[in-house]
PDB file of N, CA and C in Angstrom:
ATOM      1  N   MET A   1       0.839  -1.186   0.000  1.00  0.00           N
ATOM      2  CA  MET A   1       0.000   0.000   0.000  1.00  0.00           C
ATOM      3  C   MET A   1       0.881   1.245   0.000  1.00  0.00           C
ATOM      4  N   THR A   2       0.496   2.234  -0.778  1.00  0.00           N
ATOM      5  CA  THR A   2       1.243   3.474  -0.879  1.00  0.00           C
ATOM      6  C   THR A   2       0.933   4.372   0.302  1.00  0.00           C
ATOM      7  N   GLU A   3       1.983   4.923   0.897  1.00  0.00           N
ATOM      8  CA  GLU A   3       1.807   5.821   2.029  1.00  0.00           C
ATOM      9  C   GLU A   3       1.364   7.196   1.538  1.00  0.00           C
ATOM     10  N   LEU A   4       0.430   7.805   2.264  1.00  0.00           N
ATOM     11  CA  LEU A   4      -0.046   9.141   1.921  1.00  0.00           C
ATOM     12  C   LEU A   4       0.774  10.191   2.669  1.00  0.00           C
ATOM     13  N   VAL A   5       1.026  11.309   1.995  1.00  0.00           N
ATOM     14  CA  VAL A   5       1.781  12.415   2.567  1.00  0.00           C
ATOM     15  C   VAL A   5       0.919  13.668   2.512  1.00  0.00           C
ATOM     16  N   ARG A   6       0.864  14.396   3.615  1.00  0.00           N
ATOM     17  CA  ARG A   6       0.068  15.623   3.667  1.00  0.00           C
ATOM     18  C   ARG A   6       0.762  16.715   2.854  1.00  0.00           C
ATOM     19  N   VAL A   7       0.028  17.327   1.931  1.00  0.00           N
ATOM     20  CA  VAL A   7       0.590  18.401   1.104  1.00  0.00           C
ATOM     21  C   VAL A   7      -0.062  19.750   1.372  1.00  0.00           C
ATOM     22  N   ALA A   8      -1.188  19.749   2.087  1.00  0.00           N
ATOM     23  CA  ALA A   8      -1.870  21.009   2.383  1.00  0.00           C
ATOM     24  C   ALA A   8      -2.775  20.835   3.596  1.00  0.00           C
ATOM     25  N   VAL A   9      -3.016  21.949   4.273  1.00  0.00           N
ATOM     26  CA  VAL A   9      -3.984  21.999   5.363  1.00  0.00           C
ATOM     27  C   VAL A   9      -4.938  23.137   5.042  1.00  0.00           C
ATOM     28  N   ALA A  10      -6.217  22.812   4.938  1.00  0.00           N
ATOM     29  CA  ALA A  10      -7.236  23.801   4.602  1.00  0.00           C
ATOM     30  C   ALA A  10      -7.994  24.199   5.857  1.00  0.00           C
ATOM     31  N   GLY A  11      -8.502  25.402   5.837  1.00  0.00           N
ATOM     32  CA  GLY A  11      -9.249  25.915   6.984  1.00  0.00           C
ATOM     33  C   GLY A  11     -10.630  25.315   7.135  1.00  0.00           C
ATOM     34  N   ASP A  12     -11.188  24.806   6.015  1.00  0.00           N
ATOM     35  CA  ASP A  12     -12.512  24.200   6.076  1.00  0.00           C
ATOM     36  C   ASP A  12     -12.669  23.200   4.935  1.00  0.00           C
ATOM     37  N   VAL A  13     -13.778  22.499   4.931  1.00  0.00           N
ATOM     38  CA  VAL A  13     -14.028  21.453   3.940  1.00  0.00           C
ATOM     39  C   VAL A  13     -14.086  22.014   2.527  1.00  0.00           C
ATOM     40  N   ALA A  14     -14.715  23.171   2.347  1.00  0.00           N
ATOM     41  CA  ALA A  14     -14.835  23.764   1.012  1.00  0.00           C
ATOM     42  C   ALA A  14     -13.460  24.049   0.411  1.00  0.00           C
ATOM     43  N   GLU A  15     -12.570  24.610   1.203  1.00  0.00           N
ATOM     44  CA  GLU A  15     -11.218  24.901   0.733  1.00  0.00           C
ATOM     45  C   GLU A  15     -10.469  23.608   0.413  1.00  0.00           C
ATOM     46  N   ALA A  16     -10.622  22.603   1.264  1.00  0.00           N
ATOM     47  CA  ALA A  16      -9.966  21.314   1.030  1.00  0.00           C
ATOM     48  C   ALA A  16     -10.478  20.663  -0.252  1.00  0.00           C
ATOM     49  N   GLU A  17     -11.779  20.744  -0.481  1.00  0.00           N
ATOM     50  CA  GLU A  17     -12.346  20.169  -1.700  1.00  0.00           C
ATOM     51  C   GLU A  17     -11.858  20.903  -2.939  1.00  0.00           C
ATOM     52  N   GLU A  18     -11.641  22.215  -2.825  1.00  0.00           N
ATOM     53  CA  GLU A  18     -11.106  22.987  -3.946  1.00  0.00           C
ATOM     54  C   GLU A  18      -9.683  22.519  -4.278  1.00  0.00           C
ATOM     55  N   ILE A  19      -8.869  22.306  -3.256  1.00  0.00           N
ATOM     56  CA  ILE A  19      -7.511  21.801  -3.457  1.00  0.00           C
ATOM     57  C   ILE A  19      -7.557  20.399  -4.049  1.00  0.00           C
ATOM     58  N   GLN A  20      -8.460  19.574  -3.546  1.00  0.00           N
ATOM     59  CA  GLN A  20      -8.614  18.212  -4.064  1.00  0.00           C
ATOM     60  C   GLN A  20      -8.990  18.240  -5.544  1.00  0.00           C
ATOM     61  N   THR A  21      -9.861  19.149  -5.932  1.00  0.00           N
ATOM     62  CA  THR A  21     -10.257  19.284  -7.335  1.00  0.00           C
ATOM     63  C   THR A  21      -9.068  19.702  -8.198  1.00  0.00           C
ATOM     64  N   ILE A  22      -8.265  20.643  -7.712  1.00  0.00           N
ATOM     65  CA  ILE A  22      -7.063  21.070  -8.429  1.00  0.00           C
ATOM     66  C   ILE A  22      -6.143  19.879  -8.657  1.00  0.00           C
ATOM     67  N   LEU A  23      -5.932  19.100  -7.614  1.00  0.00           N
ATOM     68  CA  LEU A  23      -5.021  17.959  -7.719  1.00  0.00           C
ATOM     69  C   LEU A  23      -5.571  16.898  -8.668  1.00  0.00           C
ATOM     70  N   ARG A  24      -6.849  16.625  -8.562  1.00  0.00           N
ATOM     71  CA  ARG A  24      -7.438  15.613  -9.447  1.00  0.00           C
ATOM     72  C   ARG A  24      -7.401  16.065 -10.902  1.00  0.00           C
ATOM     73  N   SER A  25      -7.594  17.364 -11.160  1.00  0.00           N
ATOM     74  CA  SER A  25      -7.520  17.847 -12.540  1.00  0.00           C
ATOM     75  C   SER A  25      -6.094  17.753 -13.074  1.00  0.00           C
ATOM     76  N   ALA A  26      -5.115  17.715 -12.177  1.00  0.00           N
ATOM     77  CA  ALA A  26      -3.716  17.545 -12.571  1.00  0.00           C
ATOM     78  C   ALA A  26      -3.328  16.064 -12.636  1.00  0.00           C
ATOM     79  N   GLY A  27      -4.291  15.183 -12.362  1.00  0.00           N
ATOM     80  CA  GLY A  27      -4.036  13.753 -12.458  1.00  0.00           C
ATOM     81  C   GLY A  27      -3.491  13.110 -11.197  1.00  0.00           C
ATOM     82  N   THR A  28      -3.630  13.788 -10.069  1.00  0.00           N
ATOM     83  CA  THR A  28      -3.133  13.273  -8.798  1.00  0.00           C
ATOM     84  C   THR A  28      -4.297  12.944  -7.876  1.00  0.00           C
ATOM     85  N   ASP A  29      -4.316  11.722  -7.366  1.00  0.00           N
ATOM     86  CA  ASP A  29      -5.355  11.335  -6.419  1.00  0.00           C
ATOM     87  C   ASP A  29      -5.098  12.046  -5.093  1.00  0.00           C
ATOM     88  N   ALA A  30      -6.116  12.597  -4.488  1.00  0.00           N
ATOM     89  CA  ALA A  30      -5.977  13.310  -3.221  1.00  0.00           C
ATOM     90  C   ALA A  30      -7.047  12.845  -2.250  1.00  0.00           C
ATOM     91  N   GLN A  31      -6.640  12.662  -1.010  1.00  0.00           N
ATOM     92  CA  GLN A  31      -7.544  12.228   0.045  1.00  0.00           C
ATOM     93  C   GLN A  31      -7.657  13.327   1.095  1.00  0.00           C
ATOM     94  N   LEU A  32      -8.861  13.517   1.625  1.00  0.00           N
ATOM     95  CA  LEU A  32      -9.090  14.499   2.681  1.00  0.00           C
ATOM     96  C   LEU A  32      -9.120  13.799   4.027  1.00  0.00           C
ATOM     97  N   GLY A  33      -8.650  14.499   5.053  1.00  0.00           N
ATOM     98  CA  GLY A  33      -8.661  13.935   6.395  1.00  0.00           C
ATOM     99  C   GLY A  33      -8.843  15.034   7.428  1.00  0.00           C
ATOM    100  N   ASP A  34      -9.134  14.627   8.645  1.00  0.00           N
ATOM    101  CA  ASP A  34      -9.325  15.583   9.735  1.00  0.00           C
ATOM    102  C   ASP A  34      -7.983  16.118  10.199  1.00  0.00           C
ATOM    103  N   GLY A  35      -7.923  17.436  10.373  1.00  0.00           N
ATOM    104  CA  GLY A  35      -6.736  18.078  10.924  1.00  0.00           C
ATOM    105  C   GLY A  35      -7.032  18.571  12.326  1.00  0.00           C
ATOM    106  N   GLU A  36      -6.161  19.411  12.829  1.00  0.00           N
ATOM    107  CA  GLU A  36      -6.353  19.978  14.161  1.00  0.00           C
ATOM    108  C   GLU A  36      -7.257  21.210  14.081  1.00  0.00           C
ATOM    109  N   ASP A  37      -7.976  21.477  15.139  1.00  0.00           N
ATOM    110  CA  ASP A  37      -8.797  22.687  15.246  1.00  0.00           C
ATOM    111  C   ASP A  37      -9.723  22.885  14.055  1.00  0.00           C
ATOM    112  N   ASP A  38     -10.444  21.847  13.671  1.00  0.00           N
ATOM    113  CA  ASP A  38     -11.433  21.896  12.590  1.00  0.00           C
ATOM    114  C   ASP A  38     -10.827  22.096  11.203  1.00  0.00           C
ATOM    115  N   SER A  39      -9.513  21.968  11.064  1.00  0.00           N
ATOM    116  CA  SER A  39      -8.908  22.076   9.739  1.00  0.00           C
ATOM    117  C   SER A  39      -9.066  20.734   9.014  1.00  0.00           C
ATOM    118  N   VAL A  40      -8.806  20.750   7.714  1.00  0.00           N
ATOM    119  CA  VAL A  40      -8.916  19.548   6.898  1.00  0.00           C
ATOM    120  C   VAL A  40      -7.592  19.370   6.158  1.00  0.00           C
ATOM    121  N   THR A  41      -7.016  18.170   6.245  1.00  0.00           N
ATOM    122  CA  THR A  41      -5.750  17.911   5.566  1.00  0.00           C
ATOM    123  C   THR A  41      -6.003  17.336   4.179  1.00  0.00           C
ATOM    124  N   VAL A  42      -5.076  17.604   3.271  1.00  0.00           N
ATOM    125  CA  VAL A  42      -5.121  17.062   1.922  1.00  0.00           C
ATOM    126  C   VAL A  42      -3.841  16.255   1.749  1.00  0.00           C
ATOM    127  N   SER A  43      -3.994  14.967   1.455  1.00  0.00           N
ATOM    128  CA  SER A  43      -2.849  14.073   1.317  1.00  0.00           C
ATOM    129  C   SER A  43      -2.858  13.392  -0.038  1.00  0.00           C
ATOM    130  N   VAL A  44      -1.655  13.080  -0.521  1.00  0.00           N
ATOM    131  CA  VAL A  44      -1.483  12.408  -1.810  1.00  0.00           C
ATOM    132  C   VAL A  44      -0.513  11.251  -1.622  1.00  0.00           C
ATOM    133  N   PRO A  45      -0.498  10.303  -2.580  1.00  0.00           N
ATOM    134  CA  PRO A  45       0.494   9.231  -2.497  1.00  0.00           C
ATOM    135  C   PRO A  45       1.909   9.814  -2.487  1.00  0.00           C
ATOM    136  N   GLU A  46       2.795   9.169  -1.753  1.00  0.00           N
ATOM    137  CA  GLU A  46       4.160   9.661  -1.584  1.00  0.00           C
ATOM    138  C   GLU A  46       4.854   9.962  -2.915  1.00  0.00           C
ATOM    139  N   ALA A  47       4.608   9.144  -3.921  1.00  0.00           N
ATOM    140  CA  ALA A  47       5.247   9.319  -5.230  1.00  0.00           C
ATOM    141  C   ALA A  47       4.740  10.554  -5.967  1.00  0.00           C
ATOM    142  N   SER A  48       3.641  11.144  -5.510  1.00  0.00           N
ATOM    143  CA  SER A  48       3.028  12.284  -6.205  1.00  0.00           C
ATOM    144  C   SER A  48       3.222  13.616  -5.493  1.00  0.00           C
ATOM    145  N   VAL A  49       4.031  13.648  -4.445  1.00  0.00           N
ATOM    146  CA  VAL A  49       4.164  14.861  -3.640  1.00  0.00           C
ATOM    147  C   VAL A  49       4.660  16.051  -4.461  1.00  0.00           C
ATOM    148  N   ASP A  50       5.722  15.876  -5.224  1.00  0.00           N
ATOM    149  CA  ASP A  50       6.269  16.997  -5.996  1.00  0.00           C
ATOM    150  C   ASP A  50       5.269  17.518  -7.015  1.00  0.00           C
ATOM    151  N   GLU A  51       4.595  16.606  -7.722  1.00  0.00           N
ATOM    152  CA  GLU A  51       3.595  17.013  -8.706  1.00  0.00           C
ATOM    153  C   GLU A  51       2.438  17.741  -8.035  1.00  0.00           C
ATOM    154  N   ALA A  52       2.036  17.261  -6.858  1.00  0.00           N
ATOM    155  CA  ALA A  52       0.929  17.889  -6.137  1.00  0.00           C
ATOM    156  C   ALA A  52       1.289  19.303  -5.711  1.00  0.00           C
ATOM    157  N   LYS A  53       2.479  19.477  -5.177  1.00  0.00           N
ATOM    158  CA  LYS A  53       2.900  20.812  -4.759  1.00  0.00           C
ATOM    159  C   LYS A  53       2.973  21.758  -5.947  1.00  0.00           C
ATOM    160  N   ASP A  54       3.488  21.275  -7.075  1.00  0.00           N
ATOM    161  CA  ASP A  54       3.550  22.100  -8.282  1.00  0.00           C
ATOM    162  C   ASP A  54       2.149  22.485  -8.753  1.00  0.00           C
ATOM    163  N   ALA A  55       1.218  21.536  -8.727  1.00  0.00           N
ATOM    164  CA  ALA A  55      -0.157  21.805  -9.168  1.00  0.00           C
ATOM    165  C   ALA A  55      -0.834  22.814  -8.260  1.00  0.00           C
ATOM    166  N   ILE A  56      -0.656  22.675  -6.964  1.00  0.00           N
ATOM    167  CA  ILE A  56      -1.265  23.619  -6.018  1.00  0.00           C
ATOM    168  C   ILE A  56      -0.697  25.013  -6.244  1.00  0.00           C
ATOM    169  N   GLU A  57       0.612  25.102  -6.401  1.00  0.00           N
ATOM    170  CA  GLU A  57       1.249  26.401  -6.620  1.00  0.00           C
ATOM    171  C   GLU A  57       0.790  27.032  -7.934  1.00  0.00           C
ATOM    172  N   ALA A  58       0.692  26.239  -8.985  1.00  0.00           N
ATOM    173  CA  ALA A  58       0.315  26.751 -10.298  1.00  0.00           C
ATOM    174  C   ALA A  58      -1.148  27.193 -10.353  1.00  0.00           C
ATOM    175  N   MET A  59      -2.018  26.558  -9.579  1.00  0.00           N
ATOM    176  CA  MET A  59      -3.452  26.826  -9.654  1.00  0.00           C
ATOM    177  C   MET A  59      -3.942  27.766  -8.554  1.00  0.00           C
ATOM    178  N   THR A  60      -3.033  28.277  -7.725  1.00  0.00           N
ATOM    179  CA  THR A  60      -3.424  29.139  -6.619  1.00  0.00           C
ATOM    180  C   THR A  60      -2.989  30.564  -6.915  1.00  0.00           C
ATOM    181  N   GLU A  61      -3.841  31.499  -6.619  1.00  0.00           N
ATOM    182  CA  GLU A  61      -3.513  32.908  -6.820  1.00  0.00           C
ATOM    183  C   GLU A  61      -2.364  33.283  -5.886  1.00  0.00           C
ATOM    184  N   PRO A  62      -1.428  34.089  -6.328  1.00  0.00           N
ATOM    185  CA  PRO A  62      -0.296  34.479  -5.474  1.00  0.00           C
ATOM    186  C   PRO A  62      -0.727  35.090  -4.148  1.00  0.00           C
ATOM    187  N   ASP A  63      -1.823  35.832  -4.125  1.00  0.00           N
ATOM    188  CA  ASP A  63      -2.291  36.435  -2.878  1.00  0.00           C
ATOM    189  C   ASP A  63      -2.801  35.406  -1.886  1.00  0.00           C
ATOM    190  N   ASP A  64      -3.153  34.203  -2.378  1.00  0.00           N
ATOM    191  CA  ASP A  64      -3.666  33.164  -1.500  1.00  0.00           C
ATOM    192  C   ASP A  64      -2.554  32.379  -0.821  1.00  0.00           C
ATOM    193  N   LEU A  65      -1.347  32.456  -1.358  1.00  0.00           N
ATOM    194  CA  LEU A  65      -0.238  31.710  -0.801  1.00  0.00           C
ATOM    195  C   LEU A  65       0.258  32.379   0.473  1.00  0.00           C
ATOM    196  N   VAL A  66       0.650  31.554   1.417  1.00  0.00           N
ATOM    197  CA  VAL A  66       1.205  32.077   2.651  1.00  0.00           C
ATOM    198  C   VAL A  66       2.712  32.066   2.508  1.00  0.00           C
ATOM    199  N   GLY A  67       3.322  33.223   2.621  1.00  0.00           N
ATOM    200  CA  GLY A  67       4.770  33.311   2.485  1.00  0.00           C
ATOM    201  C   GLY A  67       5.469  32.874   3.754  1.00  0.00           C
ATOM    202  N   GLU A  68       6.716  32.480   3.601  1.00  0.00           N
ATOM    203  CA  GLU A  68       7.514  32.107   4.762  1.00  0.00           C
ATOM    204  C   GLU A  68       8.112  33.375   5.352  1.00  0.00           C
ATOM    205  N   PRO A  69       8.302  33.386   6.651  1.00  0.00           N
ATOM    206  CA  PRO A  69       8.854  34.577   7.315  1.00  0.00           C
ATOM    207  C   PRO A  69      10.279  34.870   6.886  1.00  0.00           C
TER     208      PRO A  69
END
C-alpha cells in the first residue's frame, strides 16, 4: 500500500475540496482527512508529492499563498 503524505492543510471542507479538485484535474489522487482545530488535511500518495505541490502552486492565486517569514 502506498503511504499518503500531507501536502496542504485547509481551513474548512470547502477549501480542502477545492484543493482536491485542483489535484485531481492535474491527475493526482488526493484524500481528505481531519486536521487539528477543525482544519482539513489534503494528502497524496508519496510518489506524487512533488507534482501535487507544483499543481497547487500553479493553480493558486499568489495572494492566496502564505509566504515564509
